[in-house]
Amino acid sequence: MAISRSDTFDCGIVIALREEYVGQDLFGGFGTFFQVDAEQQSESFITFSFHDSNGDPRRGVVAVMQAMTPLHAYETTRNLIERYHPEIMVNVGIAGALSDHLRLGDVLFASYVDNYDSAGKASAAGPNEFELHWSGQPYGTSEDLFRKLQRIWAFRKKLQIAWQDRCEHRLNTGIRSEIISRLSAERMLGDRRQLEARPIASGDTVGAAGAFKAQLLERNRKLFAIDMESAGFLKARIASHARRQFLEVLINTPARFGFPTNHRQTNY
């Protein structure tokens, strides 16, 4: 699909992962709010249109990553930016909880991202042992866009309540009641989905041990969650010299990394 210079795109969305949508209409959820341009689909991108809160027409483009790594997030984001040049970039993904405060389905806006395993160092700790020291690389999201979102939820409570109501409806219609009861009994579900704005960790490692979580939090007690895409997404912003705004939106899944916190891992 050729894109002319007259084509403008207001937003670009990067979604992880493609297998999250296997067996479903790939962008079916978009149909509730957006008009998908079926005739302008490519192998990697799908364009869509919508009207903003003022009724003005807008255009967007969405891509789904092929794999769950910072490198794939970087490449997907760079390709989208270079081809469509959107004004706002949003990364939507799934994260594992590092904080006991989070529950399944809570939404986290990343205030900044700590690429914790960037430029690490392995030093000798004995004849057959070593210690891994993380260096890290911080990446900031767009402060202006971040603060606007904070103001929306602070001053438009009806909008937040409507979002929570929709979440409850989809939960109750999409998951069997006995499973919901088990999740609630294990304190993996809260009464209402919540929105948080906190720092997150991002790197190449799928953390599946409590000691791994403890080491991350020892390094930075403010971290609320961990994923494998955010660092690559935000690195693409620097590499493309983009002035556009970048935002991280993460859906929390405490069981994903199997950390032995209050959120005990259970398969459903």
C-alpha atoms as a PDB file:
ATOM      1  CA  MET A   1       0.000   0.000   0.000  1.00  0.00           C
ATOM      2  CA  ALA A   2       1.499   3.328  -1.071  1.00  0.00           C
ATOM      3  CA  ILE A   3       1.124   6.247   1.332  1.00  0.00           C
ATOM      4  CA  SER A   4       1.128   9.697  -0.215  1.00  0.00           C
ATOM      5  CA  ARG A   5       2.389  12.776   1.553  1.00  0.00           C
ATOM      6  CA  SER A   6      -1.177  14.103   1.735  1.00  0.00           C
ATOM      7  CA  ASP A   7      -2.120  11.204   3.998  1.00  0.00           C
ATOM      8  CA  THR A   8      -1.921  12.142   7.659  1.00  0.00           C
ATOM      9  CA  PHE A   9      -2.302   9.843  10.637  1.00  0.00           C
ATOM     10  CA  ASP A  10      -3.176  11.151  14.071  1.00  0.00           C
ATOM     11  CA  CYS A  11      -2.211   8.068  16.045  1.00  0.00           C
ATOM     12  CA  GLY A  12      -0.274   4.837  15.747  1.00  0.00           C
ATOM     13  CA  ILE A  13      -0.935   1.851  18.010  1.00  0.00           C
ATOM     14  CA  VAL A  14       1.465  -1.033  18.612  1.00  0.00           C
ATOM     15  CA  ILE A  15      -0.136  -4.114  20.171  1.00  0.00           C
ATOM     16  CA  ALA A  16       1.616  -7.119  21.690  1.00  0.00           C
ATOM     17  CA  LEU A  17       1.106 -10.017  20.918  1.00  0.00           C
ATOM     18  CA  ARG A  18      -0.431 -11.536  17.814  1.00  0.00           C
ATOM     19  CA  GLU A  19      -1.130 -14.863  19.540  1.00  0.00           C
ATOM     20  CA  GLU A  20      -3.298 -13.014  22.037  1.00  0.00           C
ATOM     21  CA  TYR A  21      -5.808 -12.690  19.207  1.00  0.00           C
ATOM     22  CA  VAL A  22      -5.564 -16.114  17.572  1.00  0.00           C
ATOM     23  CA  GLY A  23      -8.995 -17.589  16.939  1.00  0.00           C
ATOM     24  CA  GLN A  24     -10.675 -14.194  17.076  1.00  0.00           C
ATOM     25  CA  ASP A  25     -11.345 -11.418  14.628  1.00  0.00           C
ATOM     26  CA  LEU A  26      -7.918  -9.793  14.822  1.00  0.00           C
ATOM     27  CA  PHE A  27      -9.114  -6.231  15.305  1.00  0.00           C
ATOM     28  CA  GLY A  28     -12.698  -7.032  16.270  1.00  0.00           C
ATOM     29  CA  GLY A  29     -12.649  -4.832  19.367  1.00  0.00           C
ATOM     30  CA  PHE A  30     -11.845  -1.804  17.238  1.00  0.00           C
ATOM     31  CA  GLY A  31     -15.232  -2.098  15.551  1.00  0.00           C
ATOM     32  CA  THR A  32     -16.947  -0.887  18.717  1.00  0.00           C
ATOM     33  CA  PHE A  33     -15.282   2.522  18.467  1.00  0.00           C
ATOM     34  CA  PHE A  34     -13.447   2.763  15.139  1.00  0.00           C
ATOM     35  CA  GLN A  35     -14.158   2.318  11.452  1.00  0.00           C
ATOM     36  CA  VAL A  36     -11.570  -0.133  10.118  1.00  0.00           C
ATOM     37  CA  ASP A  37     -10.408   0.597   6.569  1.00  0.00           C
ATOM     38  CA  ALA A  38     -10.648  -2.968   5.299  1.00  0.00           C
ATOM     39  CA  GLU A  39      -9.565  -2.012   1.789  1.00  0.00           C
ATOM     40  CA  GLN A  40      -6.310  -0.485   3.066  1.00  0.00           C
ATOM     41  CA  GLN A  41      -4.945  -3.416   5.002  1.00  0.00           C
ATOM     42  CA  SER A  42      -1.394  -4.646   4.528  1.00  0.00           C
ATOM     43  CA  GLU A  43       0.405  -7.643   5.958  1.00  0.00           C
ATOM     44  CA  SER A  44       1.727  -5.649   8.890  1.00  0.00           C
ATOM     45  CA  PHE A  45      -0.608  -2.680   9.366  1.00  0.00           C
ATOM     46  CA  ILE A  46      -4.309  -1.873   9.363  1.00  0.00           C
ATOM     47  CA  THR A  47      -5.589   1.700   9.143  1.00  0.00           C
ATOM     48  CA  PHE A  48      -8.771   2.932  10.781  1.00  0.00           C
ATOM     49  CA  SER A  49     -10.757   6.127  11.264  1.00  0.00           C
ATOM     50  CA  PHE A  50     -12.771   7.667  14.082  1.00  0.00           C
ATOM     51  CA  HIS A  51     -14.150  10.965  15.382  1.00  0.00           C
ATOM     52  CA  ASP A  52     -12.639  12.641  18.423  1.00  0.00           C
ATOM     53  CA  SER A  53     -14.567  14.130  21.355  1.00  0.00           C
ATOM     54  CA  ASN A  54     -15.112  17.325  19.325  1.00  0.00           C
ATOM     55  CA  GLY A  55     -16.550  15.388  16.406  1.00  0.00           C
ATOM     56  CA  ASP A  56     -13.528  15.968  14.166  1.00  0.00           C
ATOM     57  CA  PRO A  57     -12.460  13.087  11.884  1.00  0.00           C
ATOM     58  CA  ARG A  58      -9.220  11.323  12.769  1.00  0.00           C
ATOM     59  CA  ARG A  59      -7.111   8.561  11.256  1.00  0.00           C
ATOM     60  CA  GLY A  60      -4.981   5.915  12.882  1.00  0.00           C
ATOM     61  CA  VAL A  61      -2.897   2.859  12.109  1.00  0.00           C
ATOM     62  CA  VAL A  62      -2.412  -0.262  14.209  1.00  0.00           C
ATOM     63  CA  ALA A  63       0.236  -3.001  14.166  1.00  0.00           C
ATOM     64  CA  VAL A  64       0.467  -6.256  16.116  1.00  0.00           C
ATOM     65  CA  MET A  65       3.914  -7.511  17.059  1.00  0.00           C
ATOM     66  CA  GLN A  66       5.128 -10.879  15.846  1.00  0.00           C
ATOM     67  CA  ALA A  67       7.119 -11.788  18.973  1.00  0.00           C
ATOM     68  CA  MET A  68       7.504 -10.711  22.591  1.00  0.00           C
ATOM     69  CA  THR A  69      10.925  -9.022  22.808  1.00  0.00           C
ATOM     70  CA  PRO A  70      12.242  -5.442  23.049  1.00  0.00           C
ATOM     71  CA  LEU A  71      13.867  -5.891  19.625  1.00  0.00           C
ATOM     72  CA  HIS A  72      10.586  -6.794  17.919  1.00  0.00           C
ATOM     73  CA  ALA A  73       8.865  -3.889  19.661  1.00  0.00           C
ATOM     74  CA  TYR A  74      11.606  -1.574  18.416  1.00  0.00           C
ATOM     75  CA  GLU A  75      11.414  -2.826  14.832  1.00  0.00           C
ATOM     76  CA  THR A  76       7.612  -2.732  14.683  1.00  0.00           C
ATOM     77  CA  THR A  77       7.519   0.794  16.089  1.00  0.00           C
ATOM     78  CA  ARG A  78      10.253   2.074  13.768  1.00  0.00           C
ATOM     79  CA  ASN A  79       8.526   0.592  10.727  1.00  0.00           C
ATOM     80  CA  LEU A  80       5.202   2.163  11.680  1.00  0.00           C
ATOM     81  CA  ILE A  81       6.751   5.591  12.320  1.00  0.00           C
ATOM     82  CA  GLU A  82       8.759   5.616   9.083  1.00  0.00           C
ATOM     83  CA  ARG A  83       5.783   4.581   6.985  1.00  0.00           C
ATOM     84  CA  TYR A  84       2.888   6.532   8.512  1.00  0.00           C
ATOM     85  CA  HIS A  85       4.413   9.339  10.656  1.00  0.00           C
ATOM     86  CA  PRO A  86       1.612   9.452  13.276  1.00  0.00           C
ATOM     87  CA  GLU A  87       1.431  12.348  15.715  1.00  0.00           C
ATOM     88  CA  ILE A  88       0.812  10.155  18.768  1.00  0.00           C
ATOM     89  CA  MET A  89       2.159   6.657  19.418  1.00  0.00           C
ATOM     90  CA  VAL A  90       0.549   4.267  21.897  1.00  0.00           C
ATOM     91  CA  ASN A  91       1.850   0.857  22.967  1.00  0.00           C
ATOM     92  CA  VAL A  92      -0.804  -1.482  24.386  1.00  0.00           C
ATOM     93  CA  GLY A  93       0.325  -4.688  26.059  1.00  0.00           C
ATOM     94  CA  ILE A  94       0.139  -7.074  28.971  1.00  0.00           C
ATOM     95  CA  ALA A  95       2.354  -6.817  32.047  1.00  0.00           C
ATOM     96  CA  GLY A  96       3.089  -8.908  35.095  1.00  0.00           C
ATOM     97  CA  ALA A  97       2.563  -7.325  38.508  1.00  0.00           C
ATOM     98  CA  LEU A  98       5.494  -6.437  40.699  1.00  0.00           C
ATOM     99  CA  SER A  99       3.235  -4.686  43.211  1.00  0.00           C
ATOM    100  CA  ASP A 100       0.759  -6.521  45.430  1.00  0.00           C
ATOM    101  CA  HIS A 101      -1.480  -3.500  45.002  1.00  0.00           C
ATOM    102  CA  LEU A 102      -2.376  -4.468  41.423  1.00  0.00           C
ATOM    103  CA  ARG A 103      -5.116  -6.900  40.456  1.00  0.00           C
ATOM    104  CA  LEU A 104      -6.008  -8.696  37.230  1.00  0.00           C
ATOM    105  CA  GLY A 105      -7.300  -6.331  34.583  1.00  0.00           C
ATOM    106  CA  ASP A 106      -6.030  -3.117  36.187  1.00  0.00           C
ATOM    107  CA  VAL A 107      -4.640  -0.668  33.616  1.00  0.00           C
ATOM    108  CA  LEU A 108      -1.240   0.906  34.099  1.00  0.00           C
ATOM    109  CA  PHE A 109       0.040   4.029  32.349  1.00  0.00           C
ATOM    110  CA  ALA A 110       3.836   3.905  32.463  1.00  0.00           C
ATOM    111  CA  SER A 111       5.239   7.132  33.929  1.00  0.00           C
ATOM    112  CA  TYR A 112       8.662   5.902  32.805  1.00  0.00           C
ATOM    113  CA  VAL A 113      10.244   2.615  31.725  1.00  0.00           C
ATOM    114  CA  ASP A 114      13.383   1.093  33.252  1.00  0.00           C
ATOM    115  CA  ASN A 115      15.200  -1.107  30.713  1.00  0.00           C
ATOM    116  CA  TYR A 116      16.790  -2.914  33.648  1.00  0.00           C
ATOM    117  CA  ASP A 117      18.992  -5.417  31.771  1.00  0.00           C
ATOM    118  CA  SER A 118      20.619  -2.885  29.453  1.00  0.00           C
ATOM    119  CA  ALA A 119      24.452  -2.863  29.678  1.00  0.00           C
ATOM    120  CA  GLY A 120      24.649  -5.299  32.574  1.00  0.00           C
ATOM    121  CA  LYS A 121      27.901  -6.699  33.911  1.00  0.00           C
ATOM    122  CA  ALA A 122      28.817 -10.196  35.134  1.00  0.00           C
ATOM    123  CA  SER A 123      31.568 -10.136  37.749  1.00  0.00           C
ATOM    124  CA  ALA A 124      33.382 -13.053  39.376  1.00  0.00           C
ATOM    125  CA  ALA A 125      31.968 -14.153  42.732  1.00  0.00           C
ATOM    126  CA  GLY A 126      33.976 -17.347  43.181  1.00  0.00           C
ATOM    127  CA  PRO A 127      35.781 -20.072  41.212  1.00  0.00           C
ATOM    128  CA  ASN A 128      32.591 -21.233  39.510  1.00  0.00           C
ATOM    129  CA  GLU A 129      30.215 -18.405  40.342  1.00  0.00           C
ATOM    130  CA  PHE A 130      29.375 -14.956  39.092  1.00  0.00           C
ATOM    131  CA  GLU A 131      27.172 -12.028  40.045  1.00  0.00           C
ATOM    132  CA  LEU A 132      25.048 -10.173  37.521  1.00  0.00           C
ATOM    133  CA  HIS A 133      24.912  -6.421  38.026  1.00  0.00           C
ATOM    134  CA  TRP A 134      22.199  -4.526  36.166  1.00  0.00           C
ATOM    135  CA  SER A 135      23.005  -1.103  34.795  1.00  0.00           C
ATOM    136  CA  GLY A 136      19.730  -0.094  33.207  1.00  0.00           C
ATOM    137  CA  GLN A 137      18.503   2.564  30.809  1.00  0.00           C
ATOM    138  CA  PRO A 138      15.510   4.797  31.668  1.00  0.00           C
ATOM    139  CA  TYR A 139      13.041   5.834  28.966  1.00  0.00           C
ATOM    140  CA  GLY A 140      10.441   8.509  29.556  1.00  0.00           C
ATOM    141  CA  THR A 141       6.976   8.631  28.078  1.00  0.00           C
ATOM    142  CA  SER A 142       5.506  11.932  26.864  1.00  0.00           C
ATOM    143  CA  GLU A 143       4.953  14.007  29.985  1.00  0.00           C
ATOM    144  CA  ASP A 144       2.397  16.335  28.384  1.00  0.00           C
ATOM    145  CA  LEU A 145       0.206  13.484  27.146  1.00  0.00           C
ATOM    146  CA  PHE A 146       0.683  11.640  30.424  1.00  0.00           C
ATOM    147  CA  ARG A 147      -0.526  14.645  32.447  1.00  0.00           C
ATOM    148  CA  LYS A 148      -3.514  15.135  30.163  1.00  0.00           C
ATOM    149  CA  LEU A 149      -4.610  11.578  30.844  1.00  0.00           C
ATOM    150  CA  GLN A 150      -4.196  12.128  34.567  1.00  0.00           C
ATOM    151  CA  ARG A 151      -6.441  15.195  34.380  1.00  0.00           C
ATOM    152  CA  ILE A 152      -9.082  13.308  32.397  1.00  0.00           C
ATOM    153  CA  TRP A 153      -9.454  10.662  35.100  1.00  0.00           C
ATOM    154  CA  ALA A 154      -9.236  13.224  37.895  1.00  0.00           C
ATOM    155  CA  PHE A 155     -11.935  15.571  36.595  1.00  0.00           C
ATOM    156  CA  ARG A 156     -14.158  13.321  34.474  1.00  0.00           C
ATOM    157  CA  LYS A 157     -15.278  10.734  36.994  1.00  0.00           C
ATOM    158  CA  LYS A 158     -18.292   9.759  34.886  1.00  0.00           C
ATOM    159  CA  LEU A 159     -15.941   8.646  32.123  1.00  0.00           C
ATOM    160  CA  GLN A 160     -13.944   6.526  34.558  1.00  0.00           C
ATOM    161  CA  ILE A 161     -17.094   4.957  36.001  1.00  0.00           C
ATOM    162  CA  ALA A 162     -18.400   4.187  32.511  1.00  0.00           C
ATOM    163  CA  TRP A 163     -15.090   2.474  31.692  1.00  0.00           C
ATOM    164  CA  GLN A 164     -15.250   0.426  34.881  1.00  0.00           C
ATOM    165  CA  ASP A 165     -18.844  -0.585  34.113  1.00  0.00           C
ATOM    166  CA  ARG A 166     -17.834  -1.784  30.635  1.00  0.00           C
ATOM    167  CA  CYS A 167     -14.956  -3.769  32.148  1.00  0.00           C
ATOM    168  CA  GLU A 168     -17.301  -5.485  34.592  1.00  0.00           C
ATOM    169  CA  HIS A 169     -19.773  -6.288  31.841  1.00  0.00           C
ATOM    170  CA  ARG A 170     -17.115  -7.856  29.619  1.00  0.00           C
ATOM    171  CA  LEU A 171     -15.688  -9.794  32.547  1.00  0.00           C
ATOM    172  CA  ASN A 172     -19.061 -11.208  33.590  1.00  0.00           C
ATOM    173  CA  THR A 173     -20.088 -12.115  30.046  1.00  0.00           C
ATOM    174  CA  GLY A 174     -16.702 -13.514  28.971  1.00  0.00           C
ATOM    175  CA  ILE A 175     -15.651 -15.644  31.952  1.00  0.00           C
ATOM    176  CA  ARG A 176     -17.631 -18.315  33.785  1.00  0.00           C
ATOM    177  CA  SER A 177     -18.979 -17.246  37.166  1.00  0.00           C
ATOM    178  CA  GLU A 178     -17.180 -20.045  39.045  1.00  0.00           C
ATOM    179  CA  ILE A 179     -13.825 -18.853  37.671  1.00  0.00           C
ATOM    180  CA  ILE A 180     -14.593 -15.269  38.679  1.00  0.00           C
ATOM    181  CA  SER A 181     -15.419 -16.516  42.182  1.00  0.00           C
ATOM    182  CA  ARG A 182     -12.111 -18.394  42.420  1.00  0.00           C
ATOM    183  CA  LEU A 183     -10.127 -15.392  41.205  1.00  0.00           C
ATOM    184  CA  SER A 184     -11.906 -13.142  43.704  1.00  0.00           C
ATOM    185  CA  ALA A 185     -11.350 -15.602  46.551  1.00  0.00           C
ATOM    186  CA  GLU A 186      -7.616 -15.640  45.786  1.00  0.00           C
ATOM    187  CA  ARG A 187      -7.536 -11.824  45.750  1.00  0.00           C
ATOM    188  CA  MET A 188      -6.529 -11.749  42.094  1.00  0.00           C
ATOM    189  CA  LEU A 189      -9.585  -9.660  41.176  1.00  0.00           C
ATOM    190  CA  GLY A 190     -10.559  -6.357  42.749  1.00  0.00           C
ATOM    191  CA  ASP A 191     -14.079  -5.029  43.072  1.00  0.00           C
ATOM    192  CA  ARG A 192     -13.526  -2.565  40.214  1.00  0.00           C
ATOM    193  CA  ARG A 193     -10.778  -2.239  37.613  1.00  0.00           C
ATOM    194  CA  GLN A 194      -8.358   0.548  38.487  1.00  0.00           C
ATOM    195  CA  LEU A 195      -6.110   2.937  36.579  1.00  0.00           C
ATOM    196  CA  GLU A 196      -2.573   3.492  37.830  1.00  0.00           C
ATOM    197  CA  ALA A 197       0.266   5.749  36.654  1.00  0.00           C
ATOM    198  CA  ARG A 198       3.554   4.185  37.766  1.00  0.00           C
ATOM    199  CA  PRO A 199       7.055   3.232  36.544  1.00  0.00           C
ATOM    200  CA  ILE A 200       7.577  -0.215  35.043  1.00  0.00           C
ATOM    201  CA  ALA A 201      10.501  -2.527  34.286  1.00  0.00           C
ATOM    202  CA  SER A 202      11.115  -3.819  30.775  1.00  0.00           C
ATOM    203  CA  GLY A 203      13.714  -6.218  29.405  1.00  0.00           C
ATOM    204  CA  ASP A 204      14.486  -9.446  27.575  1.00  0.00           C
ATOM    205  CA  THR A 205      13.821 -11.748  30.516  1.00  0.00           C
ATOM    206  CA  VAL A 206      10.587 -13.556  31.348  1.00  0.00           C
ATOM    207  CA  GLY A 207      10.792 -13.415  35.134  1.00  0.00           C
ATOM    208  CA  ALA A 208       9.323 -16.565  36.679  1.00  0.00           C
ATOM    209  CA  ALA A 209      10.822 -16.531  40.162  1.00  0.00           C
ATOM    210  CA  GLY A 210      10.179 -14.662  43.349  1.00  0.00           C
ATOM    211  CA  ALA A 211      13.907 -13.978  43.763  1.00  0.00           C
ATOM    212  CA  PHE A 212      13.919 -12.242  40.383  1.00  0.00           C
ATOM    213  CA  LYS A 213      11.088  -9.971  41.500  1.00  0.00           C
ATOM    214  CA  ALA A 214      12.872  -9.270  44.785  1.00  0.00           C
ATOM    215  CA  GLN A 215      16.059  -8.247  42.970  1.00  0.00           C
ATOM    216  CA  LEU A 216      14.159  -5.905  40.656  1.00  0.00           C
ATOM    217  CA  LEU A 217      12.441  -4.231  43.586  1.00  0.00           C
ATOM    218  CA  GLU A 218      15.684  -4.019  45.540  1.00  0.00           C
ATOM    219  CA  ARG A 219      17.079  -2.053  42.635  1.00  0.00           C
ATOM    220  CA  ASN A 220      13.999   0.180  42.338  1.00  0.00           C
ATOM    221  CA  ARG A 221      11.184  -0.068  44.891  1.00  0.00           C
ATOM    222  CA  LYS A 222       8.926   2.161  42.776  1.00  0.00           C
ATOM    223  CA  LEU A 223       8.488  -0.382  39.958  1.00  0.00           C
ATOM    224  CA  PHE A 224       4.893  -1.576  39.660  1.00  0.00           C
ATOM    225  CA  ALA A 225       5.018  -4.087  36.786  1.00  0.00           C
ATOM    226  CA  ILE A 226       7.265  -5.775  34.218  1.00  0.00           C
ATOM    227  CA  ASP A 227       6.948  -6.406  30.480  1.00  0.00           C
ATOM    228  CA  MET A 228       9.118  -7.219  27.442  1.00  0.00           C
ATOM    229  CA  GLU A 229       8.047  -4.583  24.909  1.00  0.00           C
ATOM    230  CA  SER A 230       8.011  -1.105  26.432  1.00  0.00           C
ATOM    231  CA  ALA A 231      11.763  -0.496  26.318  1.00  0.00           C
ATOM    232  CA  GLY A 232      11.956  -1.293  22.599  1.00  0.00           C
ATOM    233  CA  PHE A 233       8.897   0.830  21.857  1.00  0.00           C
ATOM    234  CA  LEU A 234      10.378   3.885  23.575  1.00  0.00           C
ATOM    235  CA  LYS A 235      13.865   3.300  22.177  1.00  0.00           C
ATOM    236  CA  ALA A 236      12.350   3.675  18.698  1.00  0.00           C
ATOM    237  CA  ARG A 237      11.262   7.169  19.683  1.00  0.00           C
ATOM    238  CA  ILE A 238      14.886   8.185  20.225  1.00  0.00           C
ATOM    239  CA  ALA A 239      16.185   6.398  17.131  1.00  0.00           C
ATOM    240  CA  SER A 240      13.608   8.053  14.864  1.00  0.00           C
ATOM    241  CA  HIS A 241      14.252  11.520  16.371  1.00  0.00           C
ATOM    242  CA  ALA A 242      10.496  11.723  16.775  1.00  0.00           C
ATOM    243  CA  ARG A 243       8.840  14.759  18.280  1.00  0.00           C
ATOM    244  CA  ARG A 244       5.581  12.860  18.471  1.00  0.00           C
ATOM    245  CA  GLN A 245       4.164  11.853  21.826  1.00  0.00           C
ATOM    246  CA  PHE A 246       4.594   8.316  23.164  1.00  0.00           C
ATOM    247  CA  LEU A 247       2.390   6.580  25.716  1.00  0.00           C
ATOM    248  CA  GLU A 248       2.522   3.153  27.386  1.00  0.00           C
ATOM    249  CA  VAL A 249      -0.761   1.462  28.322  1.00  0.00           C
ATOM    250  CA  LEU A 250      -0.447  -1.914  30.064  1.00  0.00           C
ATOM    251  CA  ILE A 251      -3.087  -4.374  31.253  1.00  0.00           C
ATOM    252  CA  ASN A 252      -2.011  -6.125  34.424  1.00  0.00           C
ATOM    253  CA  THR A 253      -1.823  -9.926  34.740  1.00  0.00           C
ATOM    254  CA  PRO A 254      -0.328 -10.870  38.123  1.00  0.00           C
ATOM    255  CA  ALA A 255      -0.277 -14.614  37.302  1.00  0.00           C
ATOM    256  CA  ARG A 256       1.724 -14.204  34.111  1.00  0.00           C
ATOM    257  CA  PHE A 257       5.167 -14.307  35.703  1.00  0.00           C
ATOM    258  CA  GLY A 258       4.277 -16.676  38.536  1.00  0.00           C
ATOM    259  CA  PHE A 259       5.679 -14.506  41.286  1.00  0.00           C
ATOM    260  CA  PRO A 260       4.859 -15.963  44.731  1.00  0.00           C
ATOM    261  CA  THR A 261       3.158 -12.847  46.051  1.00  0.00           C
ATOM    262  CA  ASN A 262      -0.425 -12.554  47.204  1.00  0.00           C
ATOM    263  CA  HIS A 263      -1.280 -13.283  43.546  1.00  0.00           C
ATOM    264  CA  ARG A 264      -0.603 -17.021  43.451  1.00  0.00           C
ATOM    265  CA  GLN A 265      -0.225 -18.420  39.919  1.00  0.00           C
ATOM    266  CA  THR A 266      -3.229 -20.425  38.818  1.00  0.00           C
ATOM    267  CA  ASN A 267      -4.112 -21.780  35.395  1.00  0.00           C
ATOM    268  CA  TYR A 268      -7.620 -21.041  34.148  1.00  0.00           C
END
